[in-house]
């Protein structure tokens, strides 16, 4: 799984708790998780182009940029939101929507 460093930053700003800090550090240290930074000016330019084309904020645009170049799906609670942004890009973004399920089994 690839996680945007800016998505982690955004999560920490919004959650602002020790639990969120621990969760993000734990996520980043998992064996099959790679945290994707912005390496150079070319990636920064691509990020700017995606943000301008989609109207996403910079943190969200970083996630879209990573998904676009790596062909990874975006794990989200709101696939429709990402599908709307995807219309502005050359390549369609793939999403996996997480839905709350209540088990009422016997």
Protein backbone atom coordinates (compact mmCIF):
# COMPACT_ATOMS: atom_id res chain seq x y z
CA UNK A 1 0.00 0.00 0.00
CA UNK A 2 1.26 3.49 -0.82
CA UNK A 3 0.35 6.34 1.55
CA UNK A 4 0.87 9.98 0.72
CA UNK A 5 3.07 11.80 3.24
CA UNK A 6 0.74 14.76 2.79
CA UNK A 7 -2.29 12.55 3.59
CA UNK A 8 -0.60 11.59 6.85
CA UNK A 9 0.09 15.27 7.53
CA UNK A 10 -3.54 16.19 6.84
CA UNK A 11 -4.78 13.40 9.13
CA UNK A 12 -2.53 14.60 11.94
CA UNK A 13 -3.74 18.20 11.54
CA UNK A 14 -7.40 17.16 11.60
CA UNK A 15 -7.16 14.56 14.37
CA UNK A 16 -4.54 16.31 16.52
CA UNK A 17 -4.39 13.57 19.14
CA UNK A 18 -1.73 11.26 20.50
CA UNK A 19 -3.76 8.29 19.21
CA UNK A 20 -3.65 9.70 15.67
CA UNK A 21 0.10 10.25 15.94
CA UNK A 22 0.59 6.68 17.13
CA UNK A 23 -1.67 5.33 14.37
CA UNK A 24 0.15 7.23 11.61
CA UNK A 25 3.57 6.19 12.90
CA UNK A 26 2.34 2.61 13.12
CA UNK A 27 0.94 2.74 9.60
CA UNK A 28 4.23 4.08 8.25
CA UNK A 29 6.22 1.26 9.83
CA UNK A 30 4.07 -1.60 8.50
CA UNK A 31 5.95 -4.01 6.27
CA UNK A 32 3.78 -3.55 3.17
CA UNK A 33 3.26 0.20 3.45
CA UNK A 34 5.36 2.76 1.61
CA UNK A 35 5.07 6.43 2.51
CA UNK A 36 5.34 8.51 -0.66
CA UNK A 37 7.03 11.88 -0.29
CA UNK A 38 7.51 14.55 -2.92
CA UNK A 39 11.01 13.84 -4.21
CA UNK A 40 11.75 16.66 -6.62
CA UNK A 41 10.51 19.62 -8.64
CA UNK A 42 9.07 17.35 -11.33
CA UNK A 43 6.82 15.60 -8.79
CA UNK A 44 5.90 18.98 -7.29
CA UNK A 45 4.94 20.21 -10.76
CA UNK A 46 2.80 17.10 -11.34
CA UNK A 47 1.14 17.68 -7.97
CA UNK A 48 0.37 21.28 -8.91
CA UNK A 49 -1.10 20.20 -12.25
CA UNK A 50 -3.34 17.58 -10.60
CA UNK A 51 -4.53 20.07 -7.96
CA UNK A 52 -5.32 22.68 -10.61
CA UNK A 53 -7.10 20.20 -12.90
CA UNK A 54 -9.20 18.50 -10.22
CA UNK A 55 -9.85 21.25 -7.69
CA UNK A 56 -8.55 18.96 -4.94
CA UNK A 57 -6.54 20.50 -2.14
CA UNK A 58 -2.79 19.81 -2.22
CA UNK A 59 -2.96 16.89 0.23
CA UNK A 60 -5.74 15.17 -1.72
CA UNK A 61 -4.06 15.95 -5.03
CA UNK A 62 -0.93 14.20 -3.76
CA UNK A 63 -2.97 11.06 -3.16
CA UNK A 64 -4.49 11.38 -6.65
CA UNK A 65 -1.03 11.92 -8.19
CA UNK A 66 0.35 8.81 -6.51
CA UNK A 67 -2.65 6.75 -7.57
CA UNK A 68 -2.35 8.07 -11.11
CA UNK A 69 1.33 7.23 -11.63
CA UNK A 70 1.38 3.96 -9.68
CA UNK A 71 -1.98 2.58 -10.85
CA UNK A 72 -2.94 1.99 -7.21
CA UNK A 73 -6.56 2.34 -6.11
CA UNK A 74 -7.57 5.00 -3.60
CA UNK A 75 -9.05 3.58 -0.40
CA UNK A 76 -11.86 5.96 0.61
CA UNK A 77 -15.13 6.43 2.45
CA UNK A 78 -16.47 8.50 -0.48
CA UNK A 79 -15.72 7.06 -3.93
CA UNK A 80 -18.07 9.53 -5.67
CA UNK A 81 -15.88 12.42 -4.56
CA UNK A 82 -12.78 10.88 -6.13
CA UNK A 83 -14.68 9.85 -9.26
CA UNK A 84 -15.67 13.49 -9.77
CA UNK A 85 -12.03 14.60 -9.52
CA UNK A 86 -11.00 11.74 -11.79
CA UNK A 87 -12.98 13.16 -14.72
CA UNK A 88 -10.42 15.97 -15.02
CA UNK A 89 -7.46 13.61 -15.39
CA UNK A 90 -6.15 11.74 -18.43
CA UNK A 91 -6.24 8.44 -16.52
CA UNK A 92 -9.23 7.34 -14.48
CA UNK A 93 -8.56 6.98 -10.74
CA UNK A 94 -9.66 3.66 -9.31
CA UNK A 95 -11.25 3.64 -5.88
CA UNK A 96 -12.15 1.12 -3.23
CA UNK A 97 -14.93 2.42 -1.04
CA UNK A 98 -15.01 1.45 2.61
CA UNK A 99 -18.56 1.04 3.84
CA UNK A 100 -19.71 0.54 7.40
CA UNK A 101 -21.40 -2.83 7.72
CA UNK A 102 -23.47 -3.84 10.69
CA UNK A 103 -23.62 -7.55 11.32
CA UNK A 104 -27.01 -8.60 12.60
CA UNK A 105 -26.44 -12.35 12.26
CA UNK A 106 -27.88 -15.06 14.41
